[in-house]
Amino acid sequence: MAIEVKKKIGETTRSLLRRFSRRIQQSGVLIRARKSRFREKEKSKTERRNSALRRVKIVGEKEKLRKLGLLEEEPKWGKRK
């Protein structure tokens, strides 16, 4: 949906710009554009499953390394030293 605003006879550029801005706000184009700006496509069931399996695998590998003493213990709370 294109918003078209033509300059009237004797109208200043500033008032034309103000009128254009008002039309954009009233039409809701700007709000829709801002909403969809950071929208991410929903993952498929297969992608969600693969992601979960990958997380489980990484946690298992870290736990294995921790038990072997090859990975330092991470503090449960904060990183203050």
Protein backbone atom coordinates (compact mmCIF):
# COMPACT_ATOMS: atom_id res chain seq x y z
CA MET A 1 0.00 0.00 0.00
CA ALA A 2 1.70 3.17 -1.20
CA ILE A 3 1.00 6.51 0.45
CA GLU A 4 0.95 9.31 -2.08
CA VAL A 5 1.07 12.97 -1.08
CA LYS A 6 1.37 15.67 -3.73
CA LYS A 7 2.54 19.20 -3.06
CA LYS A 8 -0.26 21.75 -3.15
CA ILE A 9 0.15 25.14 -4.80
CA GLY A 10 1.94 27.51 -2.44
CA GLU A 11 2.62 24.77 0.13
CA THR A 12 5.99 24.80 1.84
CA THR A 13 8.20 21.75 1.91
CA ARG A 14 7.96 21.67 5.70
CA SER A 15 4.15 21.52 5.67
CA LEU A 16 4.24 18.87 2.91
CA LEU A 17 6.58 16.77 5.02
CA ARG A 18 4.35 17.22 8.09
CA ARG A 19 1.28 16.17 6.08
CA PHE A 20 3.13 13.14 4.73
CA SER A 21 4.26 12.11 8.23
CA ARG A 22 0.72 12.39 9.52
CA ARG A 23 -0.63 10.24 6.65
CA ILE A 24 2.01 7.58 7.32
CA GLN A 25 1.12 7.44 11.02
CA GLN A 26 -2.62 7.29 10.36
CA SER A 27 -2.27 4.51 7.79
CA GLY A 28 -0.33 2.26 10.20
CA VAL A 29 2.37 1.46 7.65
CA LEU A 30 5.14 2.55 9.99
CA ILE A 31 3.84 0.46 12.90
CA ARG A 32 3.58 -2.66 10.72
CA ALA A 33 7.10 -2.12 9.38
CA ARG A 34 8.52 -1.75 12.89
CA LYS A 35 6.71 -4.88 14.10
CA SER A 36 8.05 -7.04 11.29
CA ARG A 37 11.58 -5.64 11.46
CA PHE A 38 13.01 -8.27 13.83
CA ARG A 39 10.48 -11.03 13.18
CA GLU A 40 12.01 -14.46 12.84
CA LYS A 41 10.52 -17.30 10.88
CA GLU A 42 9.11 -20.03 13.11
CA LYS A 43 11.27 -23.16 13.13
CA SER A 44 9.87 -26.38 11.73
CA LYS A 45 9.35 -29.41 13.94
CA THR A 46 12.47 -31.08 12.51
CA GLU A 47 14.63 -28.00 13.15
CA ARG A 48 13.38 -27.76 16.75
CA ARG A 49 14.12 -31.46 17.32
CA ASN A 50 17.62 -31.18 15.83
CA SER A 51 18.33 -28.12 17.95
CA ALA A 52 17.23 -29.92 21.11
CA LEU A 53 19.35 -32.98 20.26
CA ARG A 54 22.36 -30.76 19.63
CA ARG A 55 21.90 -29.08 23.03
CA VAL A 56 21.63 -32.45 24.79
CA LYS A 57 24.77 -33.67 23.03
CA ILE A 58 26.78 -30.57 24.02
CA VAL A 59 25.65 -30.82 27.65
CA GLY A 60 26.63 -34.50 27.70
CA GLU A 61 30.07 -33.78 26.25
CA LYS A 62 30.70 -31.01 28.79
CA GLU A 63 29.62 -33.28 31.65
CA LYS A 64 31.94 -36.04 30.39
CA LEU A 65 34.90 -33.63 30.21
CA ARG A 66 34.07 -32.26 33.66
CA LYS A 67 34.08 -35.78 35.15
CA LEU A 68 37.44 -36.53 33.49
CA GLY A 69 38.84 -33.30 34.97
CA LEU A 70 39.58 -31.75 31.59
CA LEU A 71 37.09 -28.93 32.08
CA GLU A 72 37.12 -26.49 34.99
CA GLU A 73 34.08 -26.30 37.21
CA GLU A 74 31.84 -23.35 36.39
CA PRO A 75 30.48 -21.36 39.33
CA LYS A 76 26.72 -21.72 39.76
CA TRP A 77 26.19 -18.06 40.66
CA GLY A 78 27.73 -15.07 38.89
CA LYS A 79 31.28 -14.60 37.70
CA ARG A 80 32.55 -12.50 40.60
CA LYS A 81 36.07 -13.32 41.79
